[in-house]
């Protein structure tokens, strides 16, 4: 790959304090797993990186799927490895698969799901030879030390205290050597790095970089996501070639005596474009990542299946559909004769107004030559109060 930076995302913990039966990184946060939300910030960082996700042995396949969904085209630069019994062992497993070109390593907790790409970039820029970097925030509460009888022994000067976050960044050679020399468990990677005799610098952290550990933390993260801007728009495009051997399904309707559309499922370009627009508006990836052609469950499936699942994801992420508009580009079928029927059917499926229009390209391009259908959809979502 030739990348200079690697980001090890630790997602192997059990998360028992969160009160869920599944590992914490795989718990949903407004319809999206904690791991996927953490990876969004990672994949949005400005410098291309090798991404190493460390997952529990029982969740390896699920972790790979989440990486694919969160990373899109960048997921080719990401791998999933099995974690260890402790966090330290899990990080070591990630370090063991670093590419030879890596010079800077960031270690990031998936539980800090709302960490921004800007913070990740800030840490990368601050790493220098022999010096690690941690993001931190000042301690604002008064801090007191108590004795064995749970009585206050003294008040601590908080002026030089900070709350430490992740990702924590290090020069690769020194971090790998520090891990090889470690003879006990440390609370974070910076402590292990310091114990090996290296310096740690501090950059400004961010309030949204808190760690999701308890149900209260999860609720706080849900509230932060729910208080984003009220409306979101998305766009989706889908193209299918005609296939004389298949029935035509378009806009959720069957079209007798018309050539069908080639595809992994029933080829309904209109519904596929709508799914992409809804996922785009909600920031949930795209249709190909969610329902890949390598999944045999969706061979010849009705596209309504994709739409129902997409709507479930969108609603789970805290959104409601306001309206959808679709533009179909094709020589045939003639949508005008069934436009009202299509709009009614799609409106019933989505639970919101849907408008459909159609045009041709006056003989230009593949649609003009009668080789296939193109559908362009836009969706407007609102935060579900």
Foldseek 3Di string as FASTA:
>chain_A
DLFAEEEEEEQAAQLVQAVDRRGQQQDDQLLHGLLLLQVLQVLPADGQYQYEYEYAPVCQVVVLLSLCQNNPVSSVSYDYDYADPDSLRRVLRRLVPDDPNYFKYWYAYSQLRNFHSVVVNVQVVPEDPLEKEWAWAFDDDWDFDADPVRHTDGTDDRPPPIHTFDRIMYTSVLLNVLSVPDDDDDPDSVVSSVVVPGHYYYDHGDPSRDGPRYNVSSVVSSVVLLPPDFKFKFKFKDKWFFAQVAWADELNDTDPPDTHTDDQARRHRALQGVLQGLCRRLVRGHDCSVPNSVDNVRRNHDSLVSVVVSLVSSVSNQKAWAEKEKEKEAPDDDCVVCQVVSQVVVCVSRVYGYHYYYDYDCLDDCRSVRGIMMMMMMTMMGGRD
